[in-house]
Amino acid sequence: MRIVIQRVTSASVKVEHQIVGQINQGLLLLVGVEDADDEEDIAWLSKKILNMRIFPDDDKPMNQSVHDIGGQLLVVSQFTLHASTKKGNRPSFIKAAAPVKAEYLYELLIDRLKTESALKVESGQFGKMMDVSLINDGPVTIIIDSKNKA
């Protein structure tokens, strides 16, 4: 599973011109599910995301987690994170999980983030065309991949 983590002062996602998820200070998570992903990837990623120290305190610019600051999370599915651009000019998405599996793991990640924290967790709608807006704080953008744990 590959996730683009963006530290934001605010973010929202619209489907058909209607806001379906919106947060203030926290993290926007763009989530790409790979065919090889499973529940172990979800467990590792949720713990990592909730505890990653990328928010400032009085001493350091990156010393607190989203959990420490009582931030919020907006989770948006994005299968294009698994695009392969090695050949030609049209990306291949062969490593992306099939929709049924991808949606299951995407929803599982959202549920796990909710149960492992008391934070507000919002989301987009899986498989829909979405308009995502954000104000990137820093800017801070981090890419994390559960296949690169070691």
Protein backbone atom coordinates (compact mmCIF):
# COMPACT_ATOMS: atom_id res chain seq x y z
CA MET A 1 0.00 0.00 0.00
CA ARG A 2 1.36 3.38 -0.97
CA ILE A 3 0.19 6.54 0.80
CA VAL A 4 1.01 10.15 0.10
CA ILE A 5 0.80 11.99 3.43
CA GLN A 6 0.28 15.72 3.23
CA ARG A 7 0.36 17.92 6.33
CA VAL A 8 -2.48 20.38 5.86
CA THR A 9 -4.09 23.35 7.55
CA SER A 10 -7.32 22.31 5.81
CA ALA A 11 -8.51 19.87 3.15
CA SER A 12 -11.75 18.76 1.58
CA VAL A 13 -13.05 16.34 -1.02
CA LYS A 14 -16.11 16.81 -3.23
CA VAL A 15 -18.13 14.30 -5.22
CA GLU A 16 -20.53 15.77 -7.78
CA HIS A 17 -19.98 19.28 -6.36
CA GLN A 18 -20.92 18.17 -2.82
CA ILE A 19 -18.40 18.10 0.04
CA VAL A 20 -18.23 14.52 1.35
CA GLY A 21 -15.21 14.97 3.64
CA GLN A 22 -13.55 17.99 5.20
CA ILE A 23 -10.89 18.59 7.86
CA ASN A 24 -8.96 21.37 9.49
CA GLN A 25 -5.35 20.93 10.68
CA GLY A 26 -4.13 17.40 10.18
CA LEU A 27 -3.23 14.97 7.44
CA LEU A 28 -4.59 14.34 3.97
CA LEU A 29 -3.90 10.71 3.05
CA LEU A 30 -3.97 9.71 -0.62
CA VAL A 31 -4.18 5.91 -0.55
CA GLY A 32 -3.20 3.51 -3.32
CA VAL A 33 -3.86 -0.18 -2.73
CA GLU A 34 -1.62 -2.73 -4.44
CA ASP A 35 -2.68 -6.26 -5.33
CA ALA A 36 -0.12 -7.70 -2.87
CA ASP A 37 -1.50 -5.69 0.11
CA ASP A 38 -3.25 -7.27 3.08
CA GLU A 39 -4.39 -6.56 6.63
CA GLU A 40 -0.81 -6.58 7.96
CA ASP A 41 -0.07 -3.59 5.72
CA ILE A 42 -3.06 -1.76 7.23
CA ALA A 43 -1.87 -2.42 10.79
CA TRP A 44 1.65 -1.18 10.08
CA LEU A 45 0.50 1.90 8.16
CA SER A 46 -2.14 3.05 10.63
CA LYS A 47 0.32 2.90 13.51
CA LYS A 48 2.99 4.68 11.47
CA ILE A 49 0.61 7.44 10.30
CA LEU A 50 -0.82 8.16 13.74
CA ASN A 51 2.62 8.34 15.36
CA MET A 52 4.70 9.99 12.62
CA ARG A 53 6.23 13.15 14.10
CA ILE A 54 5.76 15.78 11.38
CA PHE A 55 4.07 18.63 13.27
CA PRO A 56 5.99 21.42 15.00
CA ASP A 57 6.24 22.18 18.68
CA ASP A 58 8.13 24.99 20.44
CA ASP A 59 11.47 23.20 20.07
CA LYS A 60 11.51 21.53 16.65
CA PRO A 61 9.66 21.88 13.32
CA MET A 62 8.84 18.15 13.27
CA ASN A 63 8.41 16.83 16.78
CA GLN A 64 4.71 15.98 17.24
CA SER A 65 2.35 13.49 15.63
CA VAL A 66 -1.16 14.10 14.35
CA HIS A 67 -2.28 12.27 17.48
CA ASP A 68 -0.23 14.61 19.73
CA ILE A 69 -1.81 17.75 18.26
CA GLY A 70 -5.36 16.35 18.16
CA GLY A 71 -5.37 16.78 14.38
CA GLN A 72 -7.79 15.40 11.84
CA LEU A 73 -7.48 12.91 8.97
CA LEU A 74 -8.94 12.95 5.47
CA VAL A 75 -8.50 9.64 3.62
CA VAL A 76 -8.92 9.55 -0.18
CA SER A 77 -8.50 6.52 -2.44
CA GLN A 78 -6.11 7.02 -5.35
CA PHE A 79 -5.24 3.93 -7.39
CA THR A 80 -3.03 6.04 -9.68
CA LEU A 81 -0.31 5.95 -7.01
CA HIS A 82 0.60 2.55 -8.44
CA ALA A 83 1.11 3.81 -11.99
CA SER A 84 4.00 2.27 -13.87
CA THR A 85 5.52 4.64 -16.41
CA LYS A 86 8.40 2.47 -17.64
CA LYS A 87 7.04 1.86 -21.13
CA GLY A 88 5.38 4.30 -23.49
CA ASN A 89 3.40 7.36 -22.51
CA ARG A 90 0.31 5.74 -21.05
CA PRO A 91 0.64 4.65 -17.41
CA SER A 92 -0.05 1.03 -16.56
CA PHE A 93 -1.95 0.21 -13.36
CA ILE A 94 -1.26 -3.52 -13.36
CA LYS A 95 0.01 -3.48 -9.73
CA ALA A 96 -3.12 -1.73 -8.42
CA ALA A 97 -5.54 -4.01 -6.59
CA ALA A 98 -8.85 -4.99 -8.17
CA PRO A 99 -11.67 -2.68 -7.02
CA VAL A 100 -13.33 -5.15 -4.60
CA LYS A 101 -10.09 -5.85 -2.74
CA ALA A 102 -8.95 -2.22 -2.89
CA GLU A 103 -12.22 -0.94 -1.45
CA TYR A 104 -12.14 -3.51 1.35
CA LEU A 105 -8.60 -2.52 2.40
CA TYR A 106 -9.31 1.20 1.98
CA GLU A 107 -12.35 0.94 4.28
CA LEU A 108 -10.36 -1.21 6.70
CA LEU A 109 -7.68 1.49 6.91
CA ILE A 110 -10.32 4.14 7.67
CA ASP A 111 -11.90 1.94 10.36
CA ARG A 112 -8.53 1.20 11.93
CA LEU A 113 -7.55 4.90 12.03
CA LYS A 114 -10.87 5.61 13.77
CA THR A 115 -10.54 2.82 16.33
CA GLU A 116 -6.86 3.46 17.11
CA SER A 117 -7.39 7.15 17.79
CA ALA A 118 -10.00 9.59 19.00
CA LEU A 119 -9.31 11.80 15.98
CA LYS A 120 -11.86 13.00 13.46
CA VAL A 121 -11.46 10.80 10.36
CA GLU A 122 -13.22 11.82 7.15
CA SER A 123 -13.00 10.19 3.73
CA GLY A 124 -13.74 10.46 0.05
CA GLN A 125 -15.92 7.96 -1.79
CA PHE A 126 -14.16 4.95 -3.23
CA GLY A 127 -14.27 4.67 -7.01
CA LYS A 128 -15.83 8.08 -7.57
CA MET A 129 -14.42 11.03 -9.48
CA MET A 130 -13.37 13.41 -6.70
CA ASP A 131 -12.19 17.00 -6.45
CA VAL A 132 -9.62 17.30 -3.66
CA SER A 133 -8.67 20.70 -2.24
CA LEU A 134 -5.97 21.32 0.32
CA ILE A 135 -3.73 23.88 1.88
CA ASN A 136 -0.42 22.11 2.32
CA ASP A 137 1.24 23.16 5.57
CA GLY A 138 4.99 23.61 5.26
CA PRO A 139 4.73 22.26 2.62
CA VAL A 140 5.21 18.80 4.09
CA THR A 141 4.55 15.82 1.82
CA ILE A 142 5.77 12.30 2.65
CA ILE A 143 5.38 9.11 0.66
CA ILE A 144 5.12 5.89 2.64
CA ASP A 145 4.94 2.38 1.19
CA SER A 146 4.18 -0.69 3.26
CA LYS A 147 6.39 -2.76 0.92
CA ASN A 148 9.41 -0.69 2.06
CA LYS A 149 9.20 -1.36 5.81
CA ALA A 150 12.73 -2.66 6.22
